[in-house]
Amino acid sequence: MITKIKNSSLGQKIIAFNNKLDQHILFKKAINKIKKLAVRNYFLSICSLKVIFWKLINLTWIAILVMVSGFLVRQFAIDLVVSTNQKDHGSIFSFTINNGVALGSLGNADVGLVYFLQTLPIIIGSLAFLFVKDSYFYIPLLFLLFGGMGNIIDRSIPEYELVGIKGFSDDPNQRGGNVIFHGVVDYWRFANSVINIFDVYIVTGICVLIFFLILNIVIKWNEEKKKENKEKDEDTPEWISKAASSTDTEIVSVDNKPFGWDDKNKEKQPKPSNEDDEE
């Protein structure tokens, strides 16, 4: 299937387009001045137009997916609570406003600290996405990045629709949960906590990222092992290889008759009679 796609006219056009982009590198003159070869090759790879183009493509569609789906579900949850005047619906839906971070912790902490702690993973994820070279890290990093950004934007939007509904407060000086200012809307009961779809994207990104990191380590370990074995074979002296090959035995044929079979068979044969001897 993959081979057919590559050999198709569209596949060939994409390959040619990638090759053309790969020939253009931003800041090439400055990068070529770097003396260390490994560092120079690394920056040449991440600054190619091919890498930058596909990063932007992945960034665009994941940003649209995460933001649109996240805020549509958020608005649906708010409208459901406003229309029914109830926070709980069934065993899964449980509406709450999380004024803290990390599944409700630090709910009484200062607002600035909460924003800082929630922004920190986004900064780290952005830097990782900017400098990562392997394309299979793009999607999990972007899910982590935009999931965190969605939560920060959600936190900055006051839920004025909930004013007057029992259990929610519009006091800006109050902290601890269900305050419409500086809180994240959570609505999905999962295990012993309540989360939202942005949290789902974050957890998914982390899990996929860990999986790819472990897979990458295993692949590199196997490659190093193969390289070591190959070097050992190449370092083996030629006279040892010849001696080993000369002492090898080869089974040409297999006799299915055990030792002594012919002797026993001869004993069983009848002896010639005296008449035959006289003749």
Protein backbone atom coordinates (compact mmCIF):
# COMPACT_ATOMS: atom_id res chain seq x y z
CA MET A 1 0.00 0.00 0.00
CA ILE A 2 2.75 2.45 0.99
CA THR A 3 4.78 1.45 -2.07
CA LYS A 4 1.80 2.13 -4.35
CA ILE A 5 1.32 5.58 -2.81
CA LYS A 6 5.02 6.39 -3.26
CA ASN A 7 4.99 5.23 -6.87
CA SER A 8 1.83 7.16 -7.73
CA SER A 9 2.02 10.51 -9.51
CA LEU A 10 0.99 12.37 -6.35
CA GLY A 11 3.57 10.49 -4.29
CA GLN A 12 6.31 11.30 -6.77
CA LYS A 13 5.34 14.98 -6.72
CA ILE A 14 5.48 15.04 -2.90
CA ILE A 15 8.89 13.34 -2.91
CA ALA A 16 10.21 15.82 -5.49
CA PHE A 17 8.77 18.71 -3.46
CA ASN A 18 10.46 17.41 -0.28
CA ASN A 19 13.78 17.02 -2.06
CA LYS A 20 13.54 20.57 -3.38
CA LEU A 21 12.77 21.94 0.09
CA ASP A 22 15.60 19.91 1.61
CA GLN A 23 18.11 21.73 -0.61
CA HIS A 24 17.32 25.10 0.99
CA ILE A 25 18.65 25.76 4.49
CA LEU A 26 18.14 28.91 6.53
CA PHE A 27 21.22 30.56 8.07
CA LYS A 28 23.42 28.14 6.10
CA LYS A 29 26.46 30.45 5.98
CA ALA A 30 26.39 31.08 9.73
CA ILE A 31 25.86 27.38 10.51
CA ASN A 32 28.78 26.31 8.29
CA LYS A 33 31.09 28.38 10.49
CA ILE A 34 30.46 26.02 13.42
CA LYS A 35 33.62 23.95 13.88
CA LYS A 36 32.16 20.89 15.56
CA LEU A 37 30.81 18.58 12.86
CA ALA A 38 28.01 16.99 14.91
CA VAL A 39 26.65 20.37 16.03
CA ARG A 40 26.91 21.77 12.51
CA ASN A 41 25.02 18.83 10.98
CA TYR A 42 22.34 19.08 13.67
CA PHE A 43 21.60 22.75 12.96
CA LEU A 44 21.72 22.16 9.21
CA SER A 45 19.05 19.48 9.59
CA ILE A 46 16.63 21.48 11.77
CA CYS A 47 17.02 24.64 9.67
CA SER A 48 16.14 23.01 6.34
CA LEU A 49 12.94 24.28 4.72
CA LYS A 50 11.66 20.71 4.60
CA VAL A 51 11.71 20.36 8.40
CA ILE A 52 10.30 23.86 8.94
CA PHE A 53 7.50 23.31 6.39
CA TRP A 54 6.27 20.04 7.94
CA LYS A 55 6.52 21.49 11.42
CA LEU A 56 4.23 24.32 10.36
CA ILE A 57 1.78 21.90 8.71
CA ASN A 58 1.54 19.77 11.86
CA LEU A 59 1.33 22.86 14.06
CA THR A 60 -1.59 24.24 12.03
CA TRP A 61 -3.87 21.20 11.98
CA ILE A 62 -3.20 20.21 15.59
CA ALA A 63 -3.80 23.78 16.78
CA ILE A 64 -7.15 23.84 14.97
CA LEU A 65 -8.13 20.39 16.24
CA VAL A 66 -7.24 21.01 19.89
CA MET A 67 -8.56 24.55 20.19
CA VAL A 68 -11.81 24.10 18.27
CA SER A 69 -12.75 20.80 19.90
CA GLY A 70 -11.67 21.95 23.36
CA PHE A 71 -13.68 25.18 23.41
CA LEU A 72 -16.72 23.65 21.69
CA VAL A 73 -16.95 20.97 24.38
CA ARG A 74 -16.28 23.60 27.07
CA GLN A 75 -19.16 25.76 25.83
CA PHE A 76 -21.45 22.73 25.59
CA ALA A 77 -20.68 21.86 29.23
CA ILE A 78 -21.41 25.43 30.41
CA ASP A 79 -24.66 25.59 28.42
CA LEU A 80 -25.78 22.27 29.89
CA VAL A 81 -25.26 23.50 33.46
CA VAL A 82 -26.96 26.85 32.75
CA SER A 83 -29.99 25.26 31.06
CA THR A 84 -30.53 22.56 33.70
CA ASN A 85 -29.17 24.39 36.76
CA GLN A 86 -27.40 21.14 37.70
CA LYS A 87 -23.71 20.36 37.87
CA ASP A 88 -23.93 16.56 37.67
CA HIS A 89 -25.43 14.54 34.83
CA GLY A 90 -25.05 10.78 34.91
CA SER A 91 -21.92 9.00 36.11
CA ILE A 92 -19.47 10.78 33.78
CA PHE A 93 -20.46 14.46 33.60
CA SER A 94 -19.56 16.45 36.71
CA PHE A 95 -19.10 20.19 36.18
CA THR A 96 -16.60 22.12 38.29
CA ILE A 97 -14.25 25.10 38.01
CA ASN A 98 -10.68 24.22 38.92
CA ASN A 99 -8.90 27.28 40.34
CA GLY A 100 -5.72 25.28 40.91
CA VAL A 101 -3.47 23.13 38.75
CA ALA A 102 -2.68 19.44 38.40
CA LEU A 103 -6.12 17.97 39.08
CA GLY A 104 -7.16 20.58 41.63
CA SER A 105 -3.99 21.00 43.69
CA LEU A 106 -2.86 24.51 44.72
CA GLY A 107 -6.45 25.74 44.61
CA ASN A 108 -5.72 28.31 47.32
CA ALA A 109 -2.39 29.42 45.84
CA ASP A 110 -1.69 32.85 44.40
CA VAL A 111 -3.07 33.40 40.88
CA GLY A 112 0.35 34.42 39.54
CA LEU A 113 1.94 31.20 40.80
CA VAL A 114 -0.81 29.11 39.20
CA TYR A 115 -0.33 30.82 35.82
CA PHE A 116 3.45 30.43 36.08
CA LEU A 117 3.28 26.71 36.85
CA GLN A 118 0.85 26.16 33.99
CA THR A 119 2.98 28.18 31.57
CA LEU A 120 6.24 26.37 32.39
CA PRO A 121 5.43 23.11 30.49
CA ILE A 122 4.32 25.17 27.49
CA ILE A 123 7.67 26.98 27.35
CA ILE A 124 9.57 23.69 27.63
CA GLY A 125 7.35 22.05 25.01
CA SER A 126 7.78 24.99 22.62
CA LEU A 127 11.57 24.87 22.89
CA ALA A 128 11.56 21.09 22.43
CA PHE A 129 9.37 21.38 19.32
CA LEU A 130 11.57 24.13 17.93
CA PHE A 131 14.80 22.15 18.28
CA VAL A 132 13.57 18.58 17.78
CA LYS A 133 14.85 16.88 14.63
CA ASP A 134 12.87 13.64 14.45
CA SER A 135 9.43 14.08 12.88
CA TYR A 136 7.71 11.45 15.04
CA PHE A 137 8.05 13.78 18.05
CA TYR A 138 6.08 16.60 16.36
CA ILE A 139 2.53 15.40 17.08
CA PRO A 140 2.91 14.42 20.78
CA LEU A 141 4.79 17.65 21.54
CA LEU A 142 2.11 19.72 19.81
CA PHE A 143 -0.70 17.96 21.68
CA LEU A 144 1.13 18.73 24.91
CA LEU A 145 1.77 22.32 23.85
CA PHE A 146 -1.73 23.25 22.65
CA GLY A 147 -3.44 21.29 25.41
CA GLY A 148 -1.60 23.45 27.93
CA MET A 149 -2.33 26.62 25.96
CA GLY A 150 -6.02 25.71 25.86
CA ASN A 151 -6.11 25.41 29.65
CA ILE A 152 -4.41 28.79 30.10
CA ILE A 153 -6.85 30.51 27.72
CA ASP A 154 -9.72 28.75 29.49
CA ARG A 155 -8.41 29.99 32.84
CA SER A 156 -8.30 33.59 31.61
CA ILE A 157 -11.99 33.59 30.53
CA PRO A 158 -14.50 34.32 33.34
CA GLU A 159 -17.65 32.17 33.26
CA TYR A 160 -20.21 34.94 33.81
CA GLU A 161 -23.01 32.60 32.64
CA LEU A 162 -22.70 30.70 35.92
CA VAL A 163 -23.38 33.71 38.15
CA GLY A 164 -26.46 33.00 40.25
CA ILE A 165 -26.21 29.22 39.99
CA LYS A 166 -25.80 27.51 43.34
CA GLY A 167 -22.24 26.44 44.12
CA PHE A 168 -20.43 29.05 42.03
CA SER A 169 -18.90 32.31 43.24
CA ASP A 170 -18.10 35.59 41.47
CA ASP A 171 -15.95 36.95 44.30
CA PRO A 172 -12.53 37.78 42.74
CA ASN A 173 -10.82 37.58 46.14
CA GLN A 174 -12.06 34.07 46.85
CA ARG A 175 -9.98 30.99 46.06
CA GLY A 176 -10.42 27.26 46.50
CA GLY A 177 -12.62 26.17 43.59
CA ASN A 178 -15.81 26.99 41.65
CA VAL A 179 -14.85 30.68 41.41
CA ILE A 180 -15.64 32.00 37.93
CA PHE A 181 -12.39 34.02 37.81
CA HIS A 182 -9.04 32.36 36.92
CA GLY A 183 -10.41 28.84 36.82
CA VAL A 184 -10.38 25.99 34.30
CA VAL A 185 -13.69 24.38 33.36
CA ASP A 186 -13.61 20.63 34.10
CA TYR A 187 -16.52 18.33 33.32
CA TRP A 188 -15.41 14.73 32.77
CA ARG A 189 -15.19 12.51 35.85
CA PHE A 190 -12.21 10.23 35.41
CA ALA A 191 -11.04 7.92 38.23
CA ASN A 192 -10.91 10.11 41.36
CA SER A 193 -10.65 13.45 39.56
CA VAL A 194 -12.49 15.67 37.08
CA ILE A 195 -10.72 16.67 33.86
CA ASN A 196 -11.46 18.34 30.52
CA ILE A 197 -10.59 17.60 26.91
CA PHE A 198 -7.44 19.76 27.08
CA ASP A 199 -6.18 17.47 29.86
CA VAL A 200 -6.90 14.48 27.61
CA TYR A 201 -4.74 15.97 24.87
CA ILE A 202 -1.94 16.68 27.36
CA VAL A 203 -1.97 13.15 28.81
CA THR A 204 -2.13 11.64 25.31
CA GLY A 205 0.85 13.72 24.19
CA ILE A 206 2.89 12.71 27.25
CA CYS A 207 2.11 8.99 26.82
CA VAL A 208 2.96 8.98 23.10
CA LEU A 209 6.11 11.01 23.77
CA ILE A 210 7.31 8.53 26.42
CA PHE A 211 6.54 5.62 24.07
CA PHE A 212 8.58 7.16 21.23
CA LEU A 213 11.45 8.00 23.59
CA ILE A 214 11.64 4.39 24.83
CA LEU A 215 11.32 3.07 21.27
CA ASN A 216 14.09 5.40 20.12
CA ILE A 217 16.39 4.21 22.93
CA VAL A 218 15.71 0.54 22.08
CA ILE A 219 16.37 1.10 18.36
CA LYS A 220 19.65 2.93 19.05
CA TRP A 221 20.73 0.20 21.48
CA ASN A 222 20.09 -2.48 18.84
CA GLU A 223 22.00 -0.49 16.23
CA GLU A 224 24.99 -0.10 18.57
CA LYS A 225 24.95 -3.83 19.33
CA LYS A 226 24.92 -4.69 15.63
CA LYS A 227 27.75 -2.22 15.04
CA GLU A 228 29.83 -3.75 17.86
CA ASN A 229 29.29 -7.28 16.52
CA LYS A 230 30.25 -6.14 13.03
CA GLU A 231 33.43 -4.50 14.33
CA LYS A 232 34.32 -7.69 16.24
CA ASP A 233 33.90 -9.74 13.07
CA GLU A 234 36.07 -7.30 11.12
CA ASP A 235 38.77 -7.35 13.83
CA THR A 236 39.06 -11.17 13.74
CA PRO A 237 42.47 -12.11 12.19
CA GLU A 238 42.34 -13.75 8.77
CA TRP A 239 44.36 -16.81 9.84
CA ILE A 240 41.78 -17.60 12.54
CA SER A 241 38.97 -17.47 9.98
CA LYS A 242 40.93 -19.76 7.64
CA ALA A 243 41.74 -22.19 10.45
CA ALA A 244 38.12 -22.29 11.49
CA SER A 245 36.97 -22.95 7.94
CA SER A 246 39.60 -25.67 7.35
CA THR A 247 38.59 -27.63 10.45
CA ASP A 248 34.91 -27.49 9.60
CA THR A 249 33.48 -30.92 8.90
CA GLU A 250 30.86 -31.55 6.32
CA ILE A 251 28.45 -34.47 6.37
CA VAL A 252 28.36 -35.81 2.83
CA SER A 253 26.14 -38.86 3.37
CA VAL A 254 24.38 -40.56 6.22
CA ASP A 255 24.44 -44.35 6.59
CA ASN A 256 21.18 -45.55 8.03
CA LYS A 257 22.72 -48.94 8.84
CA PRO A 258 24.31 -49.23 12.32
CA PHE A 259 27.81 -50.54 12.91
CA GLY A 260 28.01 -54.33 12.66
CA TRP A 261 24.85 -54.59 10.61
CA ASP A 262 26.64 -56.39 7.74
CA ASP A 263 28.26 -58.94 10.09
CA LYS A 264 24.97 -59.87 11.69
CA ASN A 265 23.34 -60.11 8.27
CA LYS A 266 26.05 -62.50 7.08
CA GLU A 267 25.52 -64.75 10.09
CA LYS A 268 21.83 -65.02 9.29
CA GLN A 269 22.53 -66.13 5.67
CA PRO A 270 22.40 -69.96 5.12
CA LYS A 271 25.76 -71.75 4.66
CA PRO A 272 26.39 -73.50 1.32
CA SER A 273 25.66 -77.28 1.32
CA ASN A 274 28.36 -80.00 0.89
CA GLU A 275 26.88 -81.03 -2.45
CA ASP A 276 27.62 -77.66 -3.86
CA ASP A 277 31.20 -77.92 -2.59
CA GLU A 278 31.73 -81.31 -4.21
CA GLU A 279 30.51 -80.04 -7.54
